[in-house]
Amino acid sequence: MKDVLEYTNYRQYIADYYAEKKAKSAFTWQEFTRAAGFSSPVHLKYASEGRLNLSDAAAKRVAQAMHLVDFEQDYFCEMVKLDNAKTDAEKKAAFNKMIAIADAHKAKILEGDSFRYFESWKNPVLRELAPSMPGAKPLALARACRPEITAAEVTESLNFLIKADLLKKDKDGNYARTETGITTGPMDVTPVAVRSMHRQMGEFALEAIEGVPQNERHFSGLTLGITREAYAEIVQKIAEFRKEIIAIATRNTETEEVYRLNVQFFPMTNKSINKKG
């Protein structure tokens, strides 16, 4: 069984813990649940299946029942808080604590790099910008960003990108992208950071309407009446279109400017909720 610090979902950890114990002994859900102080013999089974939730108070008892101690116990409790969180801010707070615990004990949360990457617009921008400015110092890179940021922010982002194997730096101080890719994937927390980035990029798009010359930016839009079937087909076309854009952008290894493409397709009515049954 994996170390608890390799998990981001407490339900999966409970299920894996039970499966391992069951494979080695006559361990039962009733025995497990009783050790955690629950009266219902199926409480933890249902929790592992997503049919019941653990409270923050119960999380520590469950952690103790699984013989987790010290930072492992704290980490498990943060996983429960993450699952119970109602807002993006609460989710980010819990996940950042999980990352901090893992970092302090030299462990790596697989989703951690993806979360950190998408949490700030600076990371994808600098990953594209730094290789296009050979020998540039952090201050020069900071001034090339729109909006302008500080040299300290550039340094922090570059250090993260190197650590995450998203950039590499040679002996002359030049940067190059690695083949490592970052995707949202089927993850629990990364979408929270992605939503944050979409908000940041949306704000920059609004500023670009007035702040960027018209011949250097393109804005267009459509308002359409569609069916759910058409929606699914359009989303698929957008996915194909994005692949075509990537192919065009990567055809030439040179970068003269870093651009952001926002593809937004969202409802402007609530008609679907008023359909007659």
C-alpha atoms as a PDB file:
ATOM      1  CA  MET A   1       0.000   0.000   0.000  1.00  0.00           C
ATOM      2  CA  LYS A   2       1.216   3.492  -0.836  1.00  0.00           C
ATOM      3  CA  ASP A   3       2.264   5.963   1.842  1.00  0.00           C
ATOM      4  CA  VAL A   4      -0.551   8.230   3.016  1.00  0.00           C
ATOM      5  CA  LEU A   5       1.367  11.261   1.668  1.00  0.00           C
ATOM      6  CA  GLU A   6       0.879   9.918  -1.845  1.00  0.00           C
ATOM      7  CA  TYR A   7      -2.902  10.231  -1.599  1.00  0.00           C
ATOM      8  CA  THR A   8      -5.150  13.233  -2.177  1.00  0.00           C
ATOM      9  CA  ASN A   9      -8.451  11.408  -1.551  1.00  0.00           C
ATOM     10  CA  TYR A  10      -9.092  10.153   1.972  1.00  0.00           C
ATOM     11  CA  ARG A  11     -11.869   7.815   0.786  1.00  0.00           C
ATOM     12  CA  GLN A  12      -9.444   5.947  -1.459  1.00  0.00           C
ATOM     13  CA  TYR A  13      -6.945   5.703   1.394  1.00  0.00           C
ATOM     14  CA  ILE A  14      -9.576   4.141   3.678  1.00  0.00           C
ATOM     15  CA  ALA A  15     -10.578   1.677   0.937  1.00  0.00           C
ATOM     16  CA  ASP A  16      -6.956   0.703   0.261  1.00  0.00           C
ATOM     17  CA  TYR A  17      -6.208   0.359   3.980  1.00  0.00           C
ATOM     18  CA  TYR A  18      -9.179  -1.955   4.453  1.00  0.00           C
ATOM     19  CA  ALA A  19      -8.317  -4.025   1.372  1.00  0.00           C
ATOM     20  CA  GLU A  20      -4.745  -4.556   2.559  1.00  0.00           C
ATOM     21  CA  LYS A  21      -5.803  -5.527   6.091  1.00  0.00           C
ATOM     22  CA  LYS A  22      -8.510  -7.833   4.730  1.00  0.00           C
ATOM     23  CA  ALA A  23      -6.036  -9.597   2.457  1.00  0.00           C
ATOM     24  CA  LYS A  24      -3.806 -10.444   5.438  1.00  0.00           C
ATOM     25  CA  SER A  25      -6.395 -11.275   8.126  1.00  0.00           C
ATOM     26  CA  ALA A  26     -10.067 -11.706   8.962  1.00  0.00           C
ATOM     27  CA  PHE A  27     -10.402  -7.936   9.265  1.00  0.00           C
ATOM     28  CA  THR A  28     -13.986  -6.619   8.967  1.00  0.00           C
ATOM     29  CA  TRP A  29     -15.615  -3.249   8.396  1.00  0.00           C
ATOM     30  CA  GLN A  30     -17.350  -3.692  11.753  1.00  0.00           C
ATOM     31  CA  GLU A  31     -14.028  -4.132  13.535  1.00  0.00           C
ATOM     32  CA  PHE A  32     -12.524  -1.179  11.669  1.00  0.00           C
ATOM     33  CA  THR A  33     -15.507   1.081  12.378  1.00  0.00           C
ATOM     34  CA  ARG A  34     -15.653   0.140  16.045  1.00  0.00           C
ATOM     35  CA  ALA A  35     -11.960   1.000  16.453  1.00  0.00           C
ATOM     36  CA  ALA A  36     -12.740   4.471  15.073  1.00  0.00           C
ATOM     37  CA  GLY A  37     -15.537   4.998  17.599  1.00  0.00           C
ATOM     38  CA  PHE A  38     -18.610   4.739  15.356  1.00  0.00           C
ATOM     39  CA  SER A  39     -21.788   2.950  16.404  1.00  0.00           C
ATOM     40  CA  SER A  40     -22.826   2.049  12.840  1.00  0.00           C
ATOM     41  CA  PRO A  41     -20.875  -1.007  11.597  1.00  0.00           C
ATOM     42  CA  VAL A  42     -20.859   0.289   8.010  1.00  0.00           C
ATOM     43  CA  HIS A  43     -19.977   3.947   8.563  1.00  0.00           C
ATOM     44  CA  LEU A  44     -16.442   3.690   7.194  1.00  0.00           C
ATOM     45  CA  LYS A  45     -17.487   1.401   4.361  1.00  0.00           C
ATOM     46  CA  TYR A  46     -20.044   3.986   3.268  1.00  0.00           C
ATOM     47  CA  ALA A  47     -17.496   6.773   3.718  1.00  0.00           C
ATOM     48  CA  SER A  48     -15.017   4.968   1.451  1.00  0.00           C
ATOM     49  CA  GLU A  49     -17.766   4.632  -1.167  1.00  0.00           C
ATOM     50  CA  GLY A  50     -18.757   8.301  -0.959  1.00  0.00           C
ATOM     51  CA  ARG A  51     -22.159   7.561   0.567  1.00  0.00           C
ATOM     52  CA  LEU A  52     -21.268   9.183   3.914  1.00  0.00           C
ATOM     53  CA  ASN A  53     -18.845  11.945   4.901  1.00  0.00           C
ATOM     54  CA  LEU A  54     -16.394  12.131   7.768  1.00  0.00           C
ATOM     55  CA  SER A  55     -16.538  15.177  10.005  1.00  0.00           C
ATOM     56  CA  ASP A  56     -13.328  16.994  10.894  1.00  0.00           C
ATOM     57  CA  ALA A  57     -13.711  15.684  14.447  1.00  0.00           C
ATOM     58  CA  ALA A  58     -14.124  12.077  13.279  1.00  0.00           C
ATOM     59  CA  ALA A  59     -11.132  12.318  10.949  1.00  0.00           C
ATOM     60  CA  LYS A  60      -8.621  12.130  13.784  1.00  0.00           C
ATOM     61  CA  ARG A  61     -10.292   9.049  15.282  1.00  0.00           C
ATOM     62  CA  VAL A  62     -10.207   7.305  11.917  1.00  0.00           C
ATOM     63  CA  ALA A  63      -6.559   8.244  11.436  1.00  0.00           C
ATOM     64  CA  GLN A  64      -5.728   6.795  14.840  1.00  0.00           C
ATOM     65  CA  ALA A  65      -7.666   3.619  14.029  1.00  0.00           C
ATOM     66  CA  MET A  66      -5.414   3.211  10.964  1.00  0.00           C
ATOM     67  CA  HIS A  67      -2.364   3.751  13.212  1.00  0.00           C
ATOM     68  CA  LEU A  68      -1.365   7.002  11.557  1.00  0.00           C
ATOM     69  CA  VAL A  69       0.736   9.197  13.831  1.00  0.00           C
ATOM     70  CA  ASP A  70       2.142  12.710  13.949  1.00  0.00           C
ATOM     71  CA  PHE A  71       2.323  14.349  10.500  1.00  0.00           C
ATOM     72  CA  GLU A  72       0.574  11.378   8.847  1.00  0.00           C
ATOM     73  CA  GLN A  73      -2.424  11.992  11.067  1.00  0.00           C
ATOM     74  CA  ASP A  74      -2.363  15.713  10.259  1.00  0.00           C
ATOM     75  CA  TYR A  75      -2.164  14.934   6.550  1.00  0.00           C
ATOM     76  CA  PHE A  76      -5.153  12.588   6.671  1.00  0.00           C
ATOM     77  CA  CYS A  77      -7.199  15.204   8.540  1.00  0.00           C
ATOM     78  CA  GLU A  78      -6.356  17.783   5.867  1.00  0.00           C
ATOM     79  CA  MET A  79      -7.549  15.341   3.197  1.00  0.00           C
ATOM     80  CA  VAL A  80     -10.889  15.184   5.009  1.00  0.00           C
ATOM     81  CA  LYS A  81     -11.039  18.984   5.198  1.00  0.00           C
ATOM     82  CA  LEU A  82     -10.293  19.124   1.478  1.00  0.00           C
ATOM     83  CA  ASP A  83     -13.167  16.782   0.705  1.00  0.00           C
ATOM     84  CA  ASN A  84     -15.552  18.684   2.990  1.00  0.00           C
ATOM     85  CA  ALA A  85     -14.557  22.128   1.670  1.00  0.00           C
ATOM     86  CA  LYS A  86     -17.395  24.126   0.122  1.00  0.00           C
ATOM     87  CA  THR A  87     -15.409  26.880  -1.600  1.00  0.00           C
ATOM     88  CA  ASP A  88     -12.320  27.055  -3.796  1.00  0.00           C
ATOM     89  CA  ALA A  89     -10.569  29.090  -1.092  1.00  0.00           C
ATOM     90  CA  GLU A  90     -11.175  26.348   1.487  1.00  0.00           C
ATOM     91  CA  LYS A  91     -10.001  23.650  -0.941  1.00  0.00           C
ATOM     92  CA  LYS A  92      -6.821  25.580  -1.741  1.00  0.00           C
ATOM     93  CA  ALA A  93      -6.087  26.153   1.954  1.00  0.00           C
ATOM     94  CA  ALA A  94      -6.422  22.448   2.781  1.00  0.00           C
ATOM     95  CA  PHE A  95      -4.412  21.304  -0.239  1.00  0.00           C
ATOM     96  CA  ASN A  96      -1.626  23.809   0.425  1.00  0.00           C
ATOM     97  CA  LYS A  97      -1.339  22.412   3.960  1.00  0.00           C
ATOM     98  CA  MET A  98      -1.103  18.911   2.492  1.00  0.00           C
ATOM     99  CA  ILE A  99       1.679  20.045   0.161  1.00  0.00           C
ATOM    100  CA  ALA A 100       3.498  21.729   3.050  1.00  0.00           C
ATOM    101  CA  ILE A 101       3.349  18.540   5.152  1.00  0.00           C
ATOM    102  CA  ALA A 102       4.582  16.435   2.229  1.00  0.00           C
ATOM    103  CA  ASP A 103       7.394  18.880   1.425  1.00  0.00           C
ATOM    104  CA  ALA A 104       8.519  18.971   5.045  1.00  0.00           C
ATOM    105  CA  HIS A 105       8.937  15.199   4.970  1.00  0.00           C
ATOM    106  CA  LYS A 106      10.558  14.990   1.535  1.00  0.00           C
ATOM    107  CA  ALA A 107       7.498  13.423  -0.058  1.00  0.00           C
ATOM    108  CA  LYS A 108       5.935  14.394  -3.366  1.00  0.00           C
ATOM    109  CA  ILE A 109       2.221  14.728  -4.029  1.00  0.00           C
ATOM    110  CA  LEU A 110       1.798  13.820  -7.670  1.00  0.00           C
ATOM    111  CA  GLU A 111      -0.943  16.403  -8.072  1.00  0.00           C
ATOM    112  CA  GLY A 112       1.035  19.066  -6.247  1.00  0.00           C
ATOM    113  CA  ASP A 113       3.081  20.241  -9.230  1.00  0.00           C
ATOM    114  CA  SER A 114       0.006  20.424 -11.438  1.00  0.00           C
ATOM    115  CA  PHE A 115      -1.863  22.429  -8.776  1.00  0.00           C
ATOM    116  CA  ARG A 116       1.017  24.861  -8.328  1.00  0.00           C
ATOM    117  CA  TYR A 117       1.492  25.257 -12.084  1.00  0.00           C
ATOM    118  CA  PHE A 118      -2.108  26.246 -12.770  1.00  0.00           C
ATOM    119  CA  GLU A 119      -2.485  28.352  -9.638  1.00  0.00           C
ATOM    120  CA  SER A 120      -0.712  31.358 -11.225  1.00  0.00           C
ATOM    121  CA  TRP A 121      -0.619  32.727 -14.762  1.00  0.00           C
ATOM    122  CA  LYS A 122       3.082  33.518 -14.276  1.00  0.00           C
ATOM    123  CA  ASN A 123       4.095  29.850 -14.579  1.00  0.00           C
ATOM    124  CA  PRO A 124       2.840  29.086 -18.110  1.00  0.00           C
ATOM    125  CA  VAL A 125       3.872  32.553 -19.332  1.00  0.00           C
ATOM    126  CA  LEU A 126       7.436  32.275 -17.996  1.00  0.00           C
ATOM    127  CA  ARG A 127       7.739  28.726 -19.268  1.00  0.00           C
ATOM    128  CA  GLU A 128       7.233  30.130 -22.769  1.00  0.00           C
ATOM    129  CA  LEU A 129       9.023  33.460 -22.241  1.00  0.00           C
ATOM    130  CA  ALA A 130      12.285  32.418 -20.536  1.00  0.00           C
ATOM    131  CA  PRO A 131      13.555  30.179 -23.390  1.00  0.00           C
ATOM    132  CA  SER A 132      12.865  32.993 -25.895  1.00  0.00           C
ATOM    133  CA  MET A 133      15.136  35.435 -24.023  1.00  0.00           C
ATOM    134  CA  PRO A 134      18.552  33.701 -23.749  1.00  0.00           C
ATOM    135  CA  GLY A 135      20.676  35.062 -20.925  1.00  0.00           C
ATOM    136  CA  ALA A 136      17.913  37.352 -19.657  1.00  0.00           C
ATOM    137  CA  LYS A 137      17.987  38.129 -15.937  1.00  0.00           C
ATOM    138  CA  PRO A 138      14.831  37.940 -13.780  1.00  0.00           C
ATOM    139  CA  LEU A 139      14.348  41.726 -13.948  1.00  0.00           C
ATOM    140  CA  ALA A 140      14.325  41.706 -17.758  1.00  0.00           C
ATOM    141  CA  LEU A 141      11.859  38.816 -17.785  1.00  0.00           C
ATOM    142  CA  ALA A 142       9.685  40.614 -15.242  1.00  0.00           C
ATOM    143  CA  ARG A 143       9.529  43.747 -17.401  1.00  0.00           C
ATOM    144  CA  ALA A 144       8.647  41.665 -20.469  1.00  0.00           C
ATOM    145  CA  CYS A 145       5.555  40.252 -18.771  1.00  0.00           C
ATOM    146  CA  ARG A 146       2.139  41.801 -19.234  1.00  0.00           C
ATOM    147  CA  PRO A 147       1.185  42.834 -16.611  1.00  0.00           C
ATOM    148  CA  GLU A 148       4.681  43.561 -15.303  1.00  0.00           C
ATOM    149  CA  ILE A 149       5.718  41.594 -12.226  1.00  0.00           C
ATOM    150  CA  THR A 150       8.709  41.693  -9.879  1.00  0.00           C
ATOM    151  CA  ALA A 151      12.079  40.010 -10.347  1.00  0.00           C
ATOM    152  CA  ALA A 152      11.434  38.086  -7.130  1.00  0.00           C
ATOM    153  CA  GLU A 153       8.214  36.665  -8.569  1.00  0.00           C
ATOM    154  CA  VAL A 154      10.079  35.614 -11.713  1.00  0.00           C
ATOM    155  CA  THR A 155      12.773  33.879  -9.672  1.00  0.00           C
ATOM    156  CA  GLU A 156      10.187  32.037  -7.578  1.00  0.00           C
ATOM    157  CA  SER A 157       8.330  30.841 -10.678  1.00  0.00           C
ATOM    158  CA  LEU A 158      11.501  29.786 -12.517  1.00  0.00           C
ATOM    159  CA  ASN A 159      12.730  27.834  -9.491  1.00  0.00           C
ATOM    160  CA  PHE A 160       9.418  25.992  -9.327  1.00  0.00           C
ATOM    161  CA  LEU A 161       9.425  25.254 -13.083  1.00  0.00           C
ATOM    162  CA  ILE A 162      12.928  23.783 -12.847  1.00  0.00           C
ATOM    163  CA  LYS A 163      12.078  21.735  -9.752  1.00  0.00           C
ATOM    164  CA  ALA A 164       8.942  20.427 -11.473  1.00  0.00           C
ATOM    165  CA  ASP A 165      11.019  19.497 -14.542  1.00  0.00           C
ATOM    166  CA  LEU A 166       9.084  21.899 -16.763  1.00  0.00           C
ATOM    167  CA  LEU A 167      12.166  24.006 -17.556  1.00  0.00           C
ATOM    168  CA  LYS A 168      15.857  23.202 -17.592  1.00  0.00           C
ATOM    169  CA  LYS A 169      18.718  25.661 -17.166  1.00  0.00           C
ATOM    170  CA  ASP A 170      22.152  25.228 -18.733  1.00  0.00           C
ATOM    171  CA  LYS A 171      25.538  26.344 -17.385  1.00  0.00           C
ATOM    172  CA  ASP A 172      25.255  29.664 -19.252  1.00  0.00           C
ATOM    173  CA  GLY A 173      21.985  30.532 -17.573  1.00  0.00           C
ATOM    174  CA  ASN A 174      19.773  29.850 -20.601  1.00  0.00           C
ATOM    175  CA  TYR A 175      16.415  28.146 -20.219  1.00  0.00           C
ATOM    176  CA  ALA A 176      14.756  25.474 -22.367  1.00  0.00           C
ATOM    177  CA  ARG A 177      11.431  23.700 -22.096  1.00  0.00           C
ATOM    178  CA  THR A 178      11.491  20.015 -21.204  1.00  0.00           C
ATOM    179  CA  GLU A 179       9.262  17.383 -22.730  1.00  0.00           C
ATOM    180  CA  THR A 180       7.344  17.110 -19.474  1.00  0.00           C
ATOM    181  CA  GLY A 181       3.730  18.156 -19.853  1.00  0.00           C
ATOM    182  CA  ILE A 182       1.261  19.414 -17.278  1.00  0.00           C
ATOM    183  CA  THR A 183      -2.414  18.567 -17.692  1.00  0.00           C
ATOM    184  CA  THR A 184      -5.446  18.911 -15.459  1.00  0.00           C
ATOM    185  CA  GLY A 185      -6.084  15.176 -15.765  1.00  0.00           C
ATOM    186  CA  PRO A 186      -8.572  13.196 -13.645  1.00  0.00           C
ATOM    187  CA  MET A 187      -7.514  14.917 -10.431  1.00  0.00           C
ATOM    188  CA  ASP A 188      -9.280  16.037  -7.274  1.00  0.00           C
ATOM    189  CA  VAL A 189      -7.819  19.471  -6.637  1.00  0.00           C
ATOM    190  CA  THR A 190      -6.135  20.787  -9.761  1.00  0.00           C
ATOM    191  CA  PRO A 191      -9.468  22.018 -11.255  1.00  0.00           C
ATOM    192  CA  VAL A 192      -9.621  24.497  -8.345  1.00  0.00           C
ATOM    193  CA  ALA A 193      -6.333  26.049  -9.519  1.00  0.00           C
ATOM    194  CA  VAL A 194      -7.464  25.896 -13.151  1.00  0.00           C
ATOM    195  CA  ARG A 195     -10.589  27.895 -12.305  1.00  0.00           C
ATOM    196  CA  SER A 196      -8.359  30.457 -10.599  1.00  0.00           C
ATOM    197  CA  MET A 197      -6.207  30.729 -13.729  1.00  0.00           C
ATOM    198  CA  HIS A 198      -9.260  31.097 -15.951  1.00  0.00           C
ATOM    199  CA  ARG A 199     -10.391  34.008 -13.768  1.00  0.00           C
ATOM    200  CA  GLN A 200      -6.947  35.634 -13.965  1.00  0.00           C
ATOM    201  CA  MET A 201      -6.740  35.221 -17.732  1.00  0.00           C
ATOM    202  CA  GLY A 202     -10.305  36.471 -18.152  1.00  0.00           C
ATOM    203  CA  GLU A 203      -9.383  39.663 -16.307  1.00  0.00           C
ATOM    204  CA  PHE A 204      -6.316  40.134 -18.528  1.00  0.00           C
ATOM    205  CA  ALA A 205      -8.503  39.669 -21.609  1.00  0.00           C
ATOM    206  CA  LEU A 206     -10.758  42.507 -20.449  1.00  0.00           C
ATOM    207  CA  GLU A 207      -7.745  44.750 -19.888  1.00  0.00           C
ATOM    208  CA  ALA A 208      -6.395  43.872 -23.348  1.00  0.00           C
ATOM    209  CA  ILE A 209      -9.498  45.316 -25.033  1.00  0.00           C
ATOM    210  CA  GLU A 210      -8.280  48.807 -24.161  1.00  0.00           C
ATOM    211  CA  GLY A 211      -4.618  48.170 -23.327  1.00  0.00           C
ATOM    212  CA  VAL A 212      -3.442  46.335 -26.461  1.00  0.00           C
ATOM    213  CA  PRO A 213      -3.511  47.825 -29.989  1.00  0.00           C
ATOM    214  CA  GLN A 214      -6.246  46.297 -32.138  1.00  0.00           C
ATOM    215  CA  ASN A 215      -3.759  44.971 -34.690  1.00  0.00           C
ATOM    216  CA  GLU A 216      -2.051  42.930 -31.945  1.00  0.00           C
ATOM    217  CA  ARG A 217      -5.101  41.206 -30.510  1.00  0.00           C
ATOM    218  CA  HIS A 218      -8.209  39.495 -31.845  1.00  0.00           C
ATOM    219  CA  PHE A 219     -11.609  39.403 -30.170  1.00  0.00           C
ATOM    220  CA  SER A 220     -14.743  37.883 -31.671  1.00  0.00           C
ATOM    221  CA  GLY A 221     -17.839  36.139 -30.410  1.00  0.00           C
ATOM    222  CA  LEU A 222     -21.075  34.362 -31.303  1.00  0.00           C
ATOM    223  CA  THR A 223     -24.430  34.108 -29.557  1.00  0.00           C
ATOM    224  CA  LEU A 224     -26.171  30.862 -30.548  1.00  0.00           C
ATOM    225  CA  GLY A 225     -29.357  28.947 -29.795  1.00  0.00           C
ATOM    226  CA  ILE A 226     -28.395  25.261 -29.487  1.00  0.00           C
ATOM    227  CA  THR A 227     -29.453  21.822 -28.252  1.00  0.00           C
ATOM    228  CA  ARG A 228     -27.557  19.631 -25.778  1.00  0.00           C
ATOM    229  CA  GLU A 229     -26.514  17.436 -28.681  1.00  0.00           C
ATOM    230  CA  ALA A 230     -25.117  20.465 -30.515  1.00  0.00           C
ATOM    231  CA  TYR A 231     -23.329  21.546 -27.322  1.00  0.00           C
ATOM    232  CA  ALA A 232     -21.455  18.234 -27.113  1.00  0.00           C
ATOM    233  CA  GLU A 233     -20.500  18.441 -30.782  1.00  0.00           C
ATOM    234  CA  ILE A 234     -19.272  22.042 -30.461  1.00  0.00           C
ATOM    235  CA  VAL A 235     -17.154  21.173 -27.400  1.00  0.00           C
ATOM    236  CA  GLN A 236     -15.552  18.365 -29.418  1.00  0.00           C
ATOM    237  CA  LYS A 237     -14.832  20.808 -32.262  1.00  0.00           C
ATOM    238  CA  ILE A 238     -13.228  23.216 -29.780  1.00  0.00           C
ATOM    239  CA  ALA A 239     -10.961  20.398 -28.547  1.00  0.00           C
ATOM    240  CA  GLU A 240      -9.928  19.636 -32.134  1.00  0.00           C
ATOM    241  CA  PHE A 241      -9.396  23.348 -32.828  1.00  0.00           C
ATOM    242  CA  ARG A 242      -7.098  23.685 -29.815  1.00  0.00           C
ATOM    243  CA  LYS A 243      -4.955  20.809 -31.117  1.00  0.00           C
ATOM    244  CA  GLU A 244      -4.679  22.558 -34.495  1.00  0.00           C
ATOM    245  CA  ILE A 245      -3.615  25.807 -32.776  1.00  0.00           C
ATOM    246  CA  ILE A 246      -0.921  23.958 -30.800  1.00  0.00           C
ATOM    247  CA  ALA A 247       0.366  22.397 -34.019  1.00  0.00           C
ATOM    248  CA  ILE A 248       0.635  25.832 -35.661  1.00  0.00           C
ATOM    249  CA  ALA A 249       2.321  27.393 -32.616  1.00  0.00           C
ATOM    250  CA  THR A 250       4.902  24.615 -32.289  1.00  0.00           C
ATOM    251  CA  ARG A 251       5.729  24.461 -36.009  1.00  0.00           C
ATOM    252  CA  ASN A 252       8.470  27.041 -35.420  1.00  0.00           C
ATOM    253  CA  THR A 253      10.751  26.737 -32.399  1.00  0.00           C
ATOM    254  CA  GLU A 254      11.241  30.517 -32.169  1.00  0.00           C
ATOM    255  CA  THR A 255       9.083  32.667 -29.871  1.00  0.00           C
ATOM    256  CA  GLU A 256       8.677  36.365 -30.668  1.00  0.00           C
ATOM    257  CA  GLU A 257       5.800  36.977 -28.250  1.00  0.00           C
ATOM    258  CA  VAL A 258       3.804  34.973 -25.698  1.00  0.00           C
ATOM    259  CA  TYR A 259       0.048  35.004 -26.342  1.00  0.00           C
ATOM    260  CA  ARG A 260      -2.924  33.636 -24.426  1.00  0.00           C
ATOM    261  CA  LEU A 261      -5.923  32.088 -26.206  1.00  0.00           C
ATOM    262  CA  ASN A 262      -9.121  31.943 -24.152  1.00  0.00           C
ATOM    263  CA  VAL A 263     -11.854  29.701 -25.569  1.00  0.00           C
ATOM    264  CA  GLN A 264     -15.075  30.350 -23.656  1.00  0.00           C
ATOM    265  CA  PHE A 265     -18.442  28.763 -24.379  1.00  0.00           C
ATOM    266  CA  PHE A 266     -21.087  29.297 -21.714  1.00  0.00           C
ATOM    267  CA  PRO A 267     -24.885  29.684 -21.340  1.00  0.00           C
ATOM    268  CA  MET A 268     -26.546  33.116 -21.392  1.00  0.00           C
ATOM    269  CA  THR A 269     -30.009  31.811 -20.424  1.00  0.00           C
ATOM    270  CA  ASN A 270     -31.634  29.540 -17.827  1.00  0.00           C
ATOM    271  CA  LYS A 271     -34.176  28.057 -20.230  1.00  0.00           C
ATOM    272  CA  SER A 272     -33.134  24.449 -19.650  1.00  0.00           C
ATOM    273  CA  ILE A 273     -34.272  24.506 -16.006  1.00  0.00           C
ATOM    274  CA  ASN A 274     -37.791  25.485 -17.058  1.00  0.00           C
ATOM    275  CA  LYS A 275     -38.401  22.534 -19.372  1.00  0.00           C
ATOM    276  CA  LYS A 276     -41.634  20.710 -18.821  1.00  0.00           C
ATOM    277  CA  GLY A 277     -41.237  17.187 -17.533  1.00  0.00           C
END
